[in-house]
């Protein structure tokens, strides 16, 4: 008998619906991962080309802005 491995349903931890910006950002990050991008500098380049503008810098994605925004969105 195999033990059932618990998992987190992606939406069960949400406290509110996602915003349109969060949906666009999530889609852009998923596309990056799907294309084999896994390092932060390459991800930031991808977001600058194909993602929504960074709201913290009014456009360009930086490592500090990305980390700050991810921490804020993860609350």
N, C-alpha and C. Protein backbone atom coordinates (compact mmCIF):
# COMPACT_ATOMS: atom_id res chain seq x y z
N UNK A 1 0.85 -1.18 0.00
CA UNK A 1 0.00 0.00 0.00
C UNK A 1 0.89 1.24 0.00
N UNK A 2 0.59 2.18 -0.88
CA UNK A 2 1.37 3.40 -0.99
C UNK A 2 0.70 4.50 -0.18
N UNK A 3 1.50 5.20 0.62
CA UNK A 3 0.96 6.30 1.41
C UNK A 3 0.62 7.47 0.49
N UNK A 4 -0.46 8.12 0.79
CA UNK A 4 -0.87 9.27 -0.01
C UNK A 4 0.01 10.47 0.37
N UNK A 5 0.55 11.12 -0.63
CA UNK A 5 1.39 12.29 -0.40
C UNK A 5 0.51 13.53 -0.40
N UNK A 6 0.51 14.27 0.70
CA UNK A 6 -0.31 15.47 0.74
C UNK A 6 0.26 16.53 -0.20
N UNK A 7 -0.60 17.37 -0.71
CA UNK A 7 -0.16 18.45 -1.58
C UNK A 7 -1.02 19.67 -1.33
N UNK A 8 -0.54 20.79 -1.76
CA UNK A 8 -1.27 22.04 -1.60
C UNK A 8 -2.00 22.36 -2.89
N UNK A 9 -3.29 22.46 -2.82
CA UNK A 9 -4.08 22.93 -3.97
C UNK A 9 -3.71 24.40 -4.14
N UNK A 10 -3.28 24.84 -5.32
CA UNK A 10 -2.75 26.20 -5.49
C UNK A 10 -3.64 27.32 -4.97
N UNK A 11 -4.94 27.14 -5.03
CA UNK A 11 -5.82 28.24 -4.64
C UNK A 11 -6.34 28.13 -3.21
N UNK A 12 -6.02 27.08 -2.50
CA UNK A 12 -6.60 26.92 -1.17
C UNK A 12 -5.98 27.87 -0.15
N UNK A 13 -4.78 28.38 -0.42
CA UNK A 13 -4.14 29.27 0.54
C UNK A 13 -4.46 30.74 0.27
N UNK A 14 -5.20 31.03 -0.76
CA UNK A 14 -5.52 32.42 -1.10
C UNK A 14 -6.47 33.02 -0.08
N UNK A 15 -6.22 34.30 0.20
CA UNK A 15 -7.11 35.02 1.09
C UNK A 15 -8.04 35.94 0.32
N UNK A 16 -7.75 36.10 -0.98
CA UNK A 16 -8.56 36.95 -1.85
C UNK A 16 -8.31 36.54 -3.29
N UNK A 17 -9.18 36.94 -4.19
CA UNK A 17 -8.95 36.64 -5.61
C UNK A 17 -7.70 37.38 -6.10
N UNK A 18 -7.04 36.82 -7.09
CA UNK A 18 -5.87 37.49 -7.65
C UNK A 18 -6.31 38.69 -8.49
N UNK A 19 -5.40 39.65 -8.59
CA UNK A 19 -5.66 40.84 -9.40
C UNK A 19 -5.28 40.54 -10.85
N UNK A 20 -5.72 41.36 -11.80
CA UNK A 20 -5.28 41.16 -13.18
C UNK A 20 -3.75 41.20 -13.32
N UNK A 21 -3.09 42.10 -12.59
CA UNK A 21 -1.63 42.15 -12.62
C UNK A 21 -1.03 40.84 -12.14
N UNK A 22 -1.53 40.29 -11.04
CA UNK A 22 -1.00 39.04 -10.51
C UNK A 22 -1.21 37.89 -11.49
N UNK A 23 -2.34 37.89 -12.18
CA UNK A 23 -2.58 36.86 -13.20
C UNK A 23 -1.57 36.97 -14.34
N UNK A 24 -1.34 38.19 -14.82
CA UNK A 24 -0.37 38.40 -15.91
C UNK A 24 1.04 38.02 -15.47
N UNK A 25 1.41 38.42 -14.25
CA UNK A 25 2.74 38.09 -13.74
C UNK A 25 2.90 36.58 -13.60
N UNK A 26 1.92 35.92 -13.05
CA UNK A 26 1.98 34.47 -12.91
C UNK A 26 2.10 33.76 -14.25
N UNK A 27 1.34 34.24 -15.24
CA UNK A 27 1.42 33.64 -16.58
C UNK A 27 2.81 33.83 -17.17
N UNK A 28 3.39 35.03 -17.01
CA UNK A 28 4.72 35.30 -17.55
C UNK A 28 5.78 34.44 -16.87
N UNK A 29 5.67 34.26 -15.56
CA UNK A 29 6.63 33.42 -14.84
C UNK A 29 6.48 31.97 -15.26
N UNK A 30 5.25 31.49 -15.41
CA UNK A 30 5.03 30.11 -15.87
C UNK A 30 5.62 29.88 -17.25
N UNK A 31 5.45 30.86 -18.16
CA UNK A 31 6.04 30.73 -19.50
C UNK A 31 7.56 30.67 -19.42
N UNK A 32 8.15 31.48 -18.55
CA UNK A 32 9.60 31.48 -18.39
C UNK A 32 10.06 30.10 -17.90
N UNK A 33 9.43 29.59 -16.87
CA UNK A 33 9.81 28.27 -16.36
C UNK A 33 9.60 27.20 -17.42
N UNK A 34 8.52 27.31 -18.19
CA UNK A 34 8.25 26.35 -19.25
C UNK A 34 9.30 26.37 -20.34
N UNK A 35 9.96 27.52 -20.50
CA UNK A 35 11.03 27.66 -21.49
C UNK A 35 12.41 27.38 -20.90
N UNK A 36 12.43 26.83 -19.70
CA UNK A 36 13.70 26.44 -19.08
C UNK A 36 14.43 27.54 -18.35
N UNK A 37 13.81 28.68 -18.19
CA UNK A 37 14.43 29.78 -17.45
C UNK A 37 14.22 29.53 -15.96
N UNK A 38 15.32 29.46 -15.22
CA UNK A 38 15.19 29.19 -13.79
C UNK A 38 16.08 30.08 -12.93
N UNK A 39 16.97 30.83 -13.54
CA UNK A 39 17.84 31.72 -12.78
C UNK A 39 17.25 33.13 -12.78
N UNK A 40 17.41 33.84 -11.67
CA UNK A 40 16.77 35.14 -11.51
C UNK A 40 17.15 36.15 -12.59
N UNK A 41 18.42 36.32 -12.94
CA UNK A 41 18.72 37.32 -13.99
C UNK A 41 17.99 37.04 -15.31
N UNK A 42 17.95 35.79 -15.72
CA UNK A 42 17.25 35.44 -16.96
C UNK A 42 15.74 35.64 -16.80
N UNK A 43 15.20 35.35 -15.63
CA UNK A 43 13.78 35.56 -15.39
C UNK A 43 13.44 37.04 -15.48
N UNK A 44 14.29 37.89 -14.91
CA UNK A 44 14.05 39.33 -14.97
C UNK A 44 14.09 39.84 -16.40
N UNK A 45 15.02 39.33 -17.20
CA UNK A 45 15.09 39.70 -18.61
C UNK A 45 13.80 39.28 -19.32
N UNK A 46 13.34 38.07 -19.02
CA UNK A 46 12.09 37.58 -19.62
C UNK A 46 10.92 38.49 -19.23
N UNK A 47 10.83 38.85 -17.95
CA UNK A 47 9.73 39.70 -17.50
C UNK A 47 9.79 41.08 -18.17
N UNK A 48 11.01 41.61 -18.37
CA UNK A 48 11.13 42.89 -19.06
C UNK A 48 10.64 42.80 -20.50
N UNK A 49 10.85 41.65 -21.14
CA UNK A 49 10.44 41.46 -22.53
C UNK A 49 8.96 41.08 -22.65
N UNK A 50 8.50 40.19 -21.78
CA UNK A 50 7.21 39.55 -22.02
C UNK A 50 6.24 39.60 -20.85
N UNK A 51 6.61 40.30 -19.80
CA UNK A 51 5.72 40.34 -18.64
C UNK A 51 5.14 41.72 -18.42
N UNK A 52 4.32 41.85 -17.41
CA UNK A 52 3.79 43.17 -17.09
C UNK A 52 4.91 44.04 -16.51
N UNK A 53 4.82 45.35 -16.65
CA UNK A 53 5.85 46.22 -16.06
C UNK A 53 5.87 46.08 -14.54
N UNK A 54 7.04 46.25 -13.97
CA UNK A 54 7.17 46.17 -12.51
C UNK A 54 6.53 47.40 -11.88
N UNK A 55 5.58 47.21 -10.97
CA UNK A 55 4.91 48.35 -10.36
C UNK A 55 5.78 49.11 -9.36
N UNK A 56 6.84 48.48 -8.88
CA UNK A 56 7.68 49.13 -7.88
C UNK A 56 8.72 50.05 -8.51
N UNK A 57 9.06 49.81 -9.76
CA UNK A 57 10.07 50.63 -10.43
C UNK A 57 9.47 51.39 -11.61
N UNK A 58 8.17 51.27 -11.77
CA UNK A 58 7.45 51.88 -12.88
C UNK A 58 7.96 51.37 -14.22
N UNK A 59 8.30 50.09 -14.26
CA UNK A 59 8.70 49.50 -15.54
C UNK A 59 9.65 48.34 -15.42
N UNK A 60 10.94 48.62 -15.37
CA UNK A 60 11.95 47.58 -15.43
C UNK A 60 11.99 46.74 -14.15
N UNK A 61 12.19 45.43 -14.37
CA UNK A 61 12.30 44.50 -13.26
C UNK A 61 13.74 44.47 -12.77
N UNK A 62 13.93 44.61 -11.45
CA UNK A 62 15.23 44.46 -10.82
C UNK A 62 15.13 43.34 -9.80
N UNK A 63 16.27 42.82 -9.40
CA UNK A 63 16.27 41.73 -8.41
C UNK A 63 15.62 42.19 -7.11
N UNK A 64 15.97 43.38 -6.64
CA UNK A 64 15.39 43.87 -5.39
C UNK A 64 13.88 44.07 -5.50
N UNK A 65 13.44 44.64 -6.62
CA UNK A 65 12.00 44.86 -6.80
C UNK A 65 11.26 43.54 -6.88
N UNK A 66 11.82 42.56 -7.60
CA UNK A 66 11.18 41.25 -7.72
C UNK A 66 11.06 40.59 -6.35
N UNK A 67 12.14 40.58 -5.59
CA UNK A 67 12.13 39.95 -4.26
C UNK A 67 11.14 40.66 -3.33
N UNK A 68 11.12 41.98 -3.38
CA UNK A 68 10.19 42.73 -2.54
C UNK A 68 8.75 42.44 -2.90
N UNK A 69 8.46 42.43 -4.19
CA UNK A 69 7.10 42.16 -4.65
C UNK A 69 6.67 40.73 -4.32
N UNK A 70 7.55 39.76 -4.52
CA UNK A 70 7.20 38.37 -4.21
C UNK A 70 6.91 38.21 -2.72
N UNK A 71 7.70 38.87 -1.87
CA UNK A 71 7.46 38.82 -0.42
C UNK A 71 6.09 39.44 -0.09
N UNK A 72 5.78 40.54 -0.74
CA UNK A 72 4.51 41.23 -0.48
C UNK A 72 3.34 40.37 -0.96
N UNK A 73 3.47 39.78 -2.14
CA UNK A 73 2.39 38.96 -2.68
C UNK A 73 2.20 37.66 -1.89
N UNK A 74 3.27 37.21 -1.22
CA UNK A 74 3.21 35.98 -0.45
C UNK A 74 2.62 36.13 0.94
N UNK A 75 2.29 37.34 1.32
CA UNK A 75 1.73 37.56 2.67
C UNK A 75 0.32 37.07 2.77
